[in-house]
């Protein structure tokens, strides 16, 4: 590796970003467009409560960072959207996903515990998209809603980094949006799993950004919601 490349990698690591983890062939950036929206992925009690069926070891920092993103977006008039996993009674619409991950049954309409309740409260006008699979875009109206609102950049927060966040960021790119994954606003089972998936996302499918950078972009104003 040349000295200049090493210095660039060191600078990126210093701010928590890695722009070319698989070599210079994967060093591109999608950047920010003119109209961002914050998308909060599955930040529900099943992950955030200590006794939840998918409880994460330390969800608190991600919840707090997500709250900051949401507050900044609301102040600047940018859209905020949320996703939850929801199944019909008996997981009749769960397909093979619930066979692969039987614990997803906690999100069925006839399940006890309220594990699908969001850890943060959406505003009345903020869409809550119900999904049955990992990606927020698969089989939902999300892409149409974002396109109709003129959104070109999706600022992604939530859980888990290796699962629904990764799938949603990848599909955001597939649908023509600029995915910005905020590292402090996502969480996973271990720091290693979290970091490895952020590194791979940053190389191939999204820009991984810091909370401070995302807040700076969101604070720049924007067209108010109608």
C-alpha atoms as a PDB file:
ATOM      1  CA  UNK A   1       0.000   0.000   0.000  1.00  0.00           C
ATOM      2  CA  UNK A   2       1.368   3.438  -0.914  1.00  0.00           C
ATOM      3  CA  UNK A   3       2.043   6.026   1.783  1.00  0.00           C
ATOM      4  CA  UNK A   4      -0.764   8.265   0.600  1.00  0.00           C
ATOM      5  CA  UNK A   5      -3.231   5.366   0.700  1.00  0.00           C
ATOM      6  CA  UNK A   6      -2.157   4.481   4.222  1.00  0.00           C
ATOM      7  CA  UNK A   7      -2.629   8.079   5.343  1.00  0.00           C
ATOM      8  CA  UNK A   8      -6.087   8.260   3.782  1.00  0.00           C
ATOM      9  CA  UNK A   9      -7.126   5.039   5.493  1.00  0.00           C
ATOM     10  CA  UNK A  10      -5.796   6.345   8.807  1.00  0.00           C
ATOM     11  CA  UNK A  11      -7.751   9.580   8.427  1.00  0.00           C
ATOM     12  CA  UNK A  12     -10.916   7.617   7.646  1.00  0.00           C
ATOM     13  CA  UNK A  13     -10.419   5.346  10.645  1.00  0.00           C
ATOM     14  CA  UNK A  14      -9.943   8.370  12.887  1.00  0.00           C
ATOM     15  CA  UNK A  15     -13.494   9.532  12.173  1.00  0.00           C
ATOM     16  CA  UNK A  16     -14.956   6.041  12.292  1.00  0.00           C
ATOM     17  CA  UNK A  17     -15.291   5.546   8.544  1.00  0.00           C
ATOM     18  CA  UNK A  18     -13.587   3.151   6.161  1.00  0.00           C
ATOM     19  CA  UNK A  19     -13.991   4.099   2.537  1.00  0.00           C
ATOM     20  CA  UNK A  20     -12.089   1.310   0.744  1.00  0.00           C
ATOM     21  CA  UNK A  21     -11.919  -1.810   2.951  1.00  0.00           C
ATOM     22  CA  UNK A  22     -11.773  -4.113  -0.081  1.00  0.00           C
ATOM     23  CA  UNK A  23      -9.332  -2.030  -2.069  1.00  0.00           C
ATOM     24  CA  UNK A  24      -9.566   1.016  -4.273  1.00  0.00           C
ATOM     25  CA  UNK A  25     -12.144  -0.637  -6.512  1.00  0.00           C
ATOM     26  CA  UNK A  26     -14.634  -0.034  -3.684  1.00  0.00           C
ATOM     27  CA  UNK A  27     -13.773   3.543  -2.784  1.00  0.00           C
ATOM     28  CA  UNK A  28     -16.779   5.391  -4.217  1.00  0.00           C
ATOM     29  CA  UNK A  29     -19.265   7.569  -2.355  1.00  0.00           C
ATOM     30  CA  UNK A  30     -22.960   8.057  -3.101  1.00  0.00           C
ATOM     31  CA  UNK A  31     -23.037  11.297  -1.131  1.00  0.00           C
ATOM     32  CA  UNK A  32     -25.988  13.377   0.010  1.00  0.00           C
ATOM     33  CA  UNK A  33     -28.728  14.645  -2.251  1.00  0.00           C
ATOM     34  CA  UNK A  34     -31.069  17.587  -1.798  1.00  0.00           C
ATOM     35  CA  UNK A  35     -33.926  15.925   0.092  1.00  0.00           C
ATOM     36  CA  UNK A  36     -33.071  13.524   2.940  1.00  0.00           C
ATOM     37  CA  UNK A  37     -35.447  11.451   5.038  1.00  0.00           C
ATOM     38  CA  UNK A  38     -34.704   9.585   8.247  1.00  0.00           C
ATOM     39  CA  UNK A  39     -35.688   5.915   8.179  1.00  0.00           C
ATOM     40  CA  UNK A  40     -35.796   4.136  11.545  1.00  0.00           C
ATOM     41  CA  UNK A  41     -35.612   0.361  11.149  1.00  0.00           C
ATOM     42  CA  UNK A  42     -37.399  -1.928  13.637  1.00  0.00           C
ATOM     43  CA  UNK A  43     -36.374  -0.081  16.800  1.00  0.00           C
ATOM     44  CA  UNK A  44     -38.911  -2.012  18.863  1.00  0.00           C
ATOM     45  CA  UNK A  45     -39.136  -3.377  22.391  1.00  0.00           C
ATOM     46  CA  UNK A  46     -38.131  -6.873  21.282  1.00  0.00           C
ATOM     47  CA  UNK A  47     -34.623  -5.486  20.748  1.00  0.00           C
ATOM     48  CA  UNK A  48     -34.426  -2.692  23.308  1.00  0.00           C
ATOM     49  CA  UNK A  49     -35.910  -4.326  26.424  1.00  0.00           C
ATOM     50  CA  UNK A  50     -33.544  -6.505  28.526  1.00  0.00           C
ATOM     51  CA  UNK A  51     -35.956  -9.445  28.487  1.00  0.00           C
ATOM     52  CA  UNK A  52     -36.960  -9.050  24.842  1.00  0.00           C
ATOM     53  CA  UNK A  53     -36.814 -12.084  22.534  1.00  0.00           C
ATOM     54  CA  UNK A  54     -34.176 -10.330  20.383  1.00  0.00           C
ATOM     55  CA  UNK A  55     -32.623  -8.272  23.195  1.00  0.00           C
ATOM     56  CA  UNK A  56     -29.416  -6.513  22.255  1.00  0.00           C
ATOM     57  CA  UNK A  57     -26.644  -6.222  24.857  1.00  0.00           C
ATOM     58  CA  UNK A  58     -26.374  -2.416  24.700  1.00  0.00           C
ATOM     59  CA  UNK A  59     -29.128  -0.757  22.648  1.00  0.00           C
ATOM     60  CA  UNK A  60     -29.162   2.478  24.665  1.00  0.00           C
ATOM     61  CA  UNK A  61     -26.620   4.495  22.653  1.00  0.00           C
ATOM     62  CA  UNK A  62     -28.303   3.623  19.358  1.00  0.00           C
ATOM     63  CA  UNK A  63     -31.717   4.591  20.737  1.00  0.00           C
ATOM     64  CA  UNK A  64     -30.337   7.928  21.931  1.00  0.00           C
ATOM     65  CA  UNK A  65     -28.567   8.619  18.625  1.00  0.00           C
ATOM     66  CA  UNK A  66     -31.727   7.755  16.695  1.00  0.00           C
ATOM     67  CA  UNK A  67     -33.662  10.167  18.879  1.00  0.00           C
ATOM     68  CA  UNK A  68     -31.219  12.913  17.935  1.00  0.00           C
ATOM     69  CA  UNK A  69     -31.612  12.169  14.222  1.00  0.00           C
ATOM     70  CA  UNK A  70     -35.382  12.174  14.478  1.00  0.00           C
ATOM     71  CA  UNK A  71     -35.405  15.449  16.406  1.00  0.00           C
ATOM     72  CA  UNK A  72     -33.088  17.106  13.879  1.00  0.00           C
ATOM     73  CA  UNK A  73     -35.192  15.918  10.944  1.00  0.00           C
ATOM     74  CA  UNK A  74     -38.394  17.147  12.534  1.00  0.00           C
ATOM     75  CA  UNK A  75     -36.898  20.552  13.307  1.00  0.00           C
ATOM     76  CA  UNK A  76     -35.665  20.984   9.734  1.00  0.00           C
ATOM     77  CA  UNK A  77     -38.875  19.665   8.158  1.00  0.00           C
ATOM     78  CA  UNK A  78     -37.397  16.480   6.720  1.00  0.00           C
ATOM     79  CA  UNK A  79     -39.552  13.343   6.558  1.00  0.00           C
ATOM     80  CA  UNK A  80     -39.234  10.659   9.225  1.00  0.00           C
ATOM     81  CA  UNK A  81     -40.432   7.125   8.548  1.00  0.00           C
ATOM     82  CA  UNK A  82     -40.460   4.030  10.747  1.00  0.00           C
ATOM     83  CA  UNK A  83     -40.649   0.304  10.149  1.00  0.00           C
ATOM     84  CA  UNK A  84     -41.967  -2.529  12.264  1.00  0.00           C
ATOM     85  CA  UNK A  85     -42.330  -6.245  11.631  1.00  0.00           C
ATOM     86  CA  UNK A  86     -45.953  -7.380  11.737  1.00  0.00           C
ATOM     87  CA  UNK A  87     -47.662 -10.668  10.850  1.00  0.00           C
ATOM     88  CA  UNK A  88     -51.250 -11.792  10.654  1.00  0.00           C
ATOM     89  CA  UNK A  89     -52.570 -14.181  13.274  1.00  0.00           C
ATOM     90  CA  UNK A  90     -50.535 -17.345  13.355  1.00  0.00           C
ATOM     91  CA  UNK A  91     -47.888 -15.759  11.063  1.00  0.00           C
ATOM     92  CA  UNK A  92     -49.975 -16.711   8.046  1.00  0.00           C
ATOM     93  CA  UNK A  93     -48.048 -14.170   5.935  1.00  0.00           C
ATOM     94  CA  UNK A  94     -44.624 -14.988   7.373  1.00  0.00           C
ATOM     95  CA  UNK A  95     -43.541 -17.326   4.605  1.00  0.00           C
ATOM     96  CA  UNK A  96     -40.201 -19.080   4.986  1.00  0.00           C
ATOM     97  CA  UNK A  97     -38.752 -16.268   7.092  1.00  0.00           C
ATOM     98  CA  UNK A  98     -40.681 -17.326  10.185  1.00  0.00           C
ATOM     99  CA  UNK A  99     -39.687 -20.922   9.526  1.00  0.00           C
ATOM    100  CA  UNK A 100     -36.042 -19.877   9.456  1.00  0.00           C
ATOM    101  CA  UNK A 101     -36.435 -17.603  12.515  1.00  0.00           C
ATOM    102  CA  UNK A 102     -39.331 -19.004  14.577  1.00  0.00           C
ATOM    103  CA  UNK A 103     -38.938 -16.308  17.249  1.00  0.00           C
ATOM    104  CA  UNK A 104     -40.426 -13.832  14.750  1.00  0.00           C
ATOM    105  CA  UNK A 105     -43.794 -15.169  15.888  1.00  0.00           C
ATOM    106  CA  UNK A 106     -43.671 -12.539  18.657  1.00  0.00           C
ATOM    107  CA  UNK A 107     -44.677 -10.025  15.963  1.00  0.00           C
ATOM    108  CA  UNK A 108     -47.927 -11.795  15.062  1.00  0.00           C
ATOM    109  CA  UNK A 109     -51.186  -9.996  15.759  1.00  0.00           C
ATOM    110  CA  UNK A 110     -52.198 -12.722  18.218  1.00  0.00           C
ATOM    111  CA  UNK A 111     -48.888 -12.721  20.122  1.00  0.00           C
ATOM    112  CA  UNK A 112     -48.594 -11.494  23.699  1.00  0.00           C
ATOM    113  CA  UNK A 113     -46.013  -9.109  25.107  1.00  0.00           C
ATOM    114  CA  UNK A 114     -46.250  -6.078  22.827  1.00  0.00           C
ATOM    115  CA  UNK A 115     -42.742  -6.744  21.558  1.00  0.00           C
ATOM    116  CA  UNK A 116     -43.434  -4.996  18.254  1.00  0.00           C
ATOM    117  CA  UNK A 117     -44.045  -1.621  19.915  1.00  0.00           C
ATOM    118  CA  UNK A 118     -41.591   1.102  18.927  1.00  0.00           C
ATOM    119  CA  UNK A 119     -39.105   2.251  21.560  1.00  0.00           C
ATOM    120  CA  UNK A 120     -39.478   5.851  20.350  1.00  0.00           C
ATOM    121  CA  UNK A 121     -42.790   7.500  19.541  1.00  0.00           C
ATOM    122  CA  UNK A 122     -43.547   8.498  15.940  1.00  0.00           C
ATOM    123  CA  UNK A 123     -45.326  11.782  15.335  1.00  0.00           C
ATOM    124  CA  UNK A 124     -48.923  11.379  14.106  1.00  0.00           C
ATOM    125  CA  UNK A 125     -48.016  12.284  10.509  1.00  0.00           C
ATOM    126  CA  UNK A 126     -44.966   9.995  10.296  1.00  0.00           C
ATOM    127  CA  UNK A 127     -45.615   6.770   8.367  1.00  0.00           C
ATOM    128  CA  UNK A 128     -45.054   3.456  10.146  1.00  0.00           C
ATOM    129  CA  UNK A 129     -44.391   0.827   7.486  1.00  0.00           C
ATOM    130  CA  UNK A 130     -45.273  -2.769   8.411  1.00  0.00           C
ATOM    131  CA  UNK A 131     -43.053  -5.369   6.798  1.00  0.00           C
ATOM    132  CA  UNK A 132     -42.735  -9.153   6.865  1.00  0.00           C
ATOM    133  CA  UNK A 133     -39.125  -9.549   5.747  1.00  0.00           C
ATOM    134  CA  UNK A 134     -35.756  -8.009   6.490  1.00  0.00           C
ATOM    135  CA  UNK A 135     -35.748  -5.181   3.951  1.00  0.00           C
ATOM    136  CA  UNK A 136     -37.956  -2.174   4.586  1.00  0.00           C
ATOM    137  CA  UNK A 137     -38.537  -2.018   0.824  1.00  0.00           C
ATOM    138  CA  UNK A 138     -39.523  -5.607   0.080  1.00  0.00           C
ATOM    139  CA  UNK A 139     -43.280  -5.940  -0.413  1.00  0.00           C
ATOM    140  CA  UNK A 140     -44.035  -2.496   1.070  1.00  0.00           C
ATOM    141  CA  UNK A 141     -45.060   0.961  -0.160  1.00  0.00           C
ATOM    142  CA  UNK A 142     -41.886   2.587   1.183  1.00  0.00           C
ATOM    143  CA  UNK A 143     -40.151   3.315  -2.134  1.00  0.00           C
ATOM    144  CA  UNK A 144     -43.303   4.843  -3.629  1.00  0.00           C
ATOM    145  CA  UNK A 145     -43.833   7.000  -0.548  1.00  0.00           C
ATOM    146  CA  UNK A 146     -40.263   8.288  -0.626  1.00  0.00           C
ATOM    147  CA  UNK A 147     -40.282   8.965  -4.374  1.00  0.00           C
ATOM    148  CA  UNK A 148     -43.602  10.799  -4.131  1.00  0.00           C
ATOM    149  CA  UNK A 149     -42.149  12.989  -1.400  1.00  0.00           C
ATOM    150  CA  UNK A 150     -39.145  13.913  -3.513  1.00  0.00           C
ATOM    151  CA  UNK A 151     -36.716  12.102  -1.214  1.00  0.00           C
ATOM    152  CA  UNK A 152     -33.347  11.217  -2.712  1.00  0.00           C
ATOM    153  CA  UNK A 153     -31.313  10.394   0.418  1.00  0.00           C
ATOM    154  CA  UNK A 154     -32.265   7.875   3.106  1.00  0.00           C
ATOM    155  CA  UNK A 155     -30.618   8.337   6.502  1.00  0.00           C
ATOM    156  CA  UNK A 156     -30.797   4.920   8.129  1.00  0.00           C
ATOM    157  CA  UNK A 157     -30.895   4.096  11.840  1.00  0.00           C
ATOM    158  CA  UNK A 158     -32.151   1.123  13.846  1.00  0.00           C
ATOM    159  CA  UNK A 159     -31.514  -2.571  14.318  1.00  0.00           C
ATOM    160  CA  UNK A 160     -29.941  -4.835  13.680  1.00  0.00           C
ATOM    161  CA  UNK A 161     -26.925  -3.726  11.670  1.00  0.00           C
ATOM    162  CA  UNK A 162     -26.289  -7.145  10.137  1.00  0.00           C
ATOM    163  CA  UNK A 163     -29.947  -7.874   9.430  1.00  0.00           C
ATOM    164  CA  UNK A 164     -32.720  -5.440   8.634  1.00  0.00           C
ATOM    165  CA  UNK A 165     -30.476  -2.361   8.525  1.00  0.00           C
ATOM    166  CA  UNK A 166     -28.141  -4.014   6.039  1.00  0.00           C
ATOM    167  CA  UNK A 167     -30.990  -5.357   3.886  1.00  0.00           C
ATOM    168  CA  UNK A 168     -32.777  -1.996   3.883  1.00  0.00           C
ATOM    169  CA  UNK A 169     -29.642  -0.035   3.017  1.00  0.00           C
ATOM    170  CA  UNK A 170     -28.895  -2.376   0.123  1.00  0.00           C
ATOM    171  CA  UNK A 171     -32.429  -2.096  -1.217  1.00  0.00           C
ATOM    172  CA  UNK A 172     -32.382   1.683  -0.798  1.00  0.00           C
ATOM    173  CA  UNK A 173     -29.493   1.770  -3.257  1.00  0.00           C
ATOM    174  CA  UNK A 174     -31.346  -0.653  -5.549  1.00  0.00           C
ATOM    175  CA  UNK A 175     -34.330   1.717  -5.600  1.00  0.00           C
ATOM    176  CA  UNK A 176     -32.259   4.748  -6.531  1.00  0.00           C
ATOM    177  CA  UNK A 177     -31.872   6.376  -3.113  1.00  0.00           C
ATOM    178  CA  UNK A 178     -28.608   7.512  -1.532  1.00  0.00           C
ATOM    179  CA  UNK A 179     -28.276   5.401   1.650  1.00  0.00           C
ATOM    180  CA  UNK A 180     -26.483   7.038   4.573  1.00  0.00           C
ATOM    181  CA  UNK A 181     -26.114   4.556   7.463  1.00  0.00           C
ATOM    182  CA  UNK A 182     -25.417   6.297  10.768  1.00  0.00           C
ATOM    183  CA  UNK A 183     -23.028   4.089  12.726  1.00  0.00           C
ATOM    184  CA  UNK A 184     -23.895   5.366  16.224  1.00  0.00           C
ATOM    185  CA  UNK A 185     -27.615   4.984  15.528  1.00  0.00           C
ATOM    186  CA  UNK A 186     -27.403   1.244  14.723  1.00  0.00           C
ATOM    187  CA  UNK A 187     -26.719  -1.736  16.974  1.00  0.00           C
ATOM    188  CA  UNK A 188     -26.119  -5.481  16.826  1.00  0.00           C
ATOM    189  CA  UNK A 189     -25.261  -8.528  18.972  1.00  0.00           C
ATOM    190  CA  UNK A 190     -21.567  -7.766  19.274  1.00  0.00           C
ATOM    191  CA  UNK A 191     -19.320  -4.834  18.361  1.00  0.00           C
ATOM    192  CA  UNK A 192     -17.516  -7.121  15.916  1.00  0.00           C
ATOM    193  CA  UNK A 193     -20.662  -8.039  13.983  1.00  0.00           C
ATOM    194  CA  UNK A 194     -21.711  -4.377  13.979  1.00  0.00           C
ATOM    195  CA  UNK A 195     -18.359  -3.119  12.687  1.00  0.00           C
ATOM    196  CA  UNK A 196     -17.849  -5.871  10.107  1.00  0.00           C
ATOM    197  CA  UNK A 197     -21.224  -5.196   8.538  1.00  0.00           C
ATOM    198  CA  UNK A 198     -20.724  -1.434   8.538  1.00  0.00           C
ATOM    199  CA  UNK A 199     -17.380  -1.947   6.825  1.00  0.00           C
ATOM    200  CA  UNK A 200     -18.907  -4.097   4.119  1.00  0.00           C
ATOM    201  CA  UNK A 201     -21.888  -1.780   3.629  1.00  0.00           C
ATOM    202  CA  UNK A 202     -19.569   1.193   3.327  1.00  0.00           C
ATOM    203  CA  UNK A 203     -17.546  -0.603   0.674  1.00  0.00           C
ATOM    204  CA  UNK A 204     -20.405  -1.732  -1.542  1.00  0.00           C
ATOM    205  CA  UNK A 205     -23.923  -0.492  -0.875  1.00  0.00           C
ATOM    206  CA  UNK A 206     -24.054   2.656   1.272  1.00  0.00           C
ATOM    207  CA  UNK A 207     -22.101   5.457   2.844  1.00  0.00           C
ATOM    208  CA  UNK A 208     -21.506   4.855   6.534  1.00  0.00           C
ATOM    209  CA  UNK A 209     -21.477   8.209   8.262  1.00  0.00           C
ATOM    210  CA  UNK A 210     -21.114   9.579  11.766  1.00  0.00           C
ATOM    211  CA  UNK A 211     -23.913  11.000  13.875  1.00  0.00           C
ATOM    212  CA  UNK A 212     -22.326  14.448  13.855  1.00  0.00           C
ATOM    213  CA  UNK A 213     -22.070  14.460  10.065  1.00  0.00           C
ATOM    214  CA  UNK A 214     -25.667  13.306   9.656  1.00  0.00           C
ATOM    215  CA  UNK A 215     -26.927  15.929  12.097  1.00  0.00           C
ATOM    216  CA  UNK A 216     -25.023  18.622  10.206  1.00  0.00           C
ATOM    217  CA  UNK A 217     -26.675  17.593   6.928  1.00  0.00           C
ATOM    218  CA  UNK A 218     -30.127  17.294   8.458  1.00  0.00           C
ATOM    219  CA  UNK A 219     -29.777  20.667  10.143  1.00  0.00           C
ATOM    220  CA  UNK A 220     -29.337  22.398   6.817  1.00  0.00           C
ATOM    221  CA  UNK A 221     -33.084  22.809   6.405  1.00  0.00           C
ATOM    222  CA  UNK A 222     -35.259  21.486   3.647  1.00  0.00           C
ATOM    223  CA  UNK A 223     -38.697  21.652   2.171  1.00  0.00           C
ATOM    224  CA  UNK A 224     -41.340  21.348   4.888  1.00  0.00           C
ATOM    225  CA  UNK A 225     -43.594  18.318   4.958  1.00  0.00           C
ATOM    226  CA  UNK A 226     -47.182  18.667   3.814  1.00  0.00           C
END
